């Protein structure tokens, strides 16, 4: 899961891309980057950290000249924490600059990378995104837009792509539609974004989503569809509605806030807590589900946890020790609301359990009498290979424990999850249009190997190799 933004046809393209990244900071916190293009002249500024940290100097944006730009906030699923892996990636392809921003995860990358290396490819990063550039470079067609379909037919998995070159801005989405990608327009400026909240921030009108399998080109002639890849089974990531996307965004054609309220409604019907006094959320991604739970149950909704918004999202922090520290910094209980109360705590999901376990301790210390945890999604039993960073069942609290064991581990008085049927019935779409593999283990495509984030990392970099004396 990353956030990507594309701007075409505006002298302030880099500034608009920067604002779009700010709106999508929640989609990735490990790094941020913008590549702009002024004719055939390319400019790039990127780095590790938050958008505000990477672009702390106004001169950084001034140097990004040009009328087109793409941007990326990184949440790593393939490739380690290294500046070289921060997007958008930039390469010289046939003596022309080509920059690429990718949201998703490829699932046949091991075989492809080995094949390309055997043919002489030299990789500069350890991301799956770079595979696409090597495939583009090998296409026999003259135009990049003509090479892209051939390249994408060789990859499998989730991808929403923005590719910037002197030809224009190329846009593509995988045939399964795993990750969202919206098209907007600001007067004569074209805007592409992972979420519509980025369009809203810069005042662009949402036109539609890039269709699954659609390949588009935006250039001086406007926007046009180049082709559609062979259709695949629709597999919209339902976790986008549950957790990832901002509630003010529209994805897959529906409002995120509306879906989350429905999930809360369904959860209250399935798992009431009749003796509870109040309902509170684990802010911020659970706020609307908690409102839905309270509305359906008739219980009072209150603010029992204050979130420090200067601390990032704990689930998408890359290392476990950082997640644990983040939980302690991130939340503070409101004792006046909680003391002596029997509380329903609504969370959108429990992945590893570390956040909730720490929160329960905080609530007990604040004087809560009983803690009833209600989760607005089913237990996560299985790995995801399409853009979520929980690759092994051992890391998932529900991968190896029953609900009763999870309740004991968390230290709660009761625990209940929303059923799969209740979750799917809350959606506006056909249930068969969603990927629910992390809950069910039923993957829409065959997984050829089990990718790991660090699978292409060497045990030591050249700068850290110790040479024998003498």
Foldseek 3Di string as FASTA:
>chain_A
DKKKKKKAAAQQALVLQLLLCVLQQQRAFQKKKKWADAQQDIDIFMDTGTSCVSPVDVVNSVRRGHRIMMMMHDQFFAFDSDGCPHDQHWDQAPNGIKTKDKAKFWQCQVVLVVVLVVVPDDDPTGGSVVSLVSQLSPAPDDDSLVSNLVSLVPIDFWIWMWMDTSQAIKTATALQRAFWKWWWDDPPMIMIISWCSSCVSVVTGTDGTQHHQWMWGQDPVGIDTPDGHPHAFHAHACVCLLARPDQCTAGPRHGSLQLLLLLLLLLLVVDPDVQFAEEEEPDDSNHSSSVSVCVNNVHHYDHFKDFDVVQHDLQSDDDPVVSLVSLVVTIATDLVVAAPGAYEYEYQAAFQLNNLLVVVVRSVVSHHPFYEYEYSAAAQQAADRIRHPDQHNVRGPNNPDDLVVSCVSSVHPYYDYRDPVSSLVSDPDDSSNHNPCRRVVDGSDDRPDRDGNCPPPDPDDPVPDDDDDD
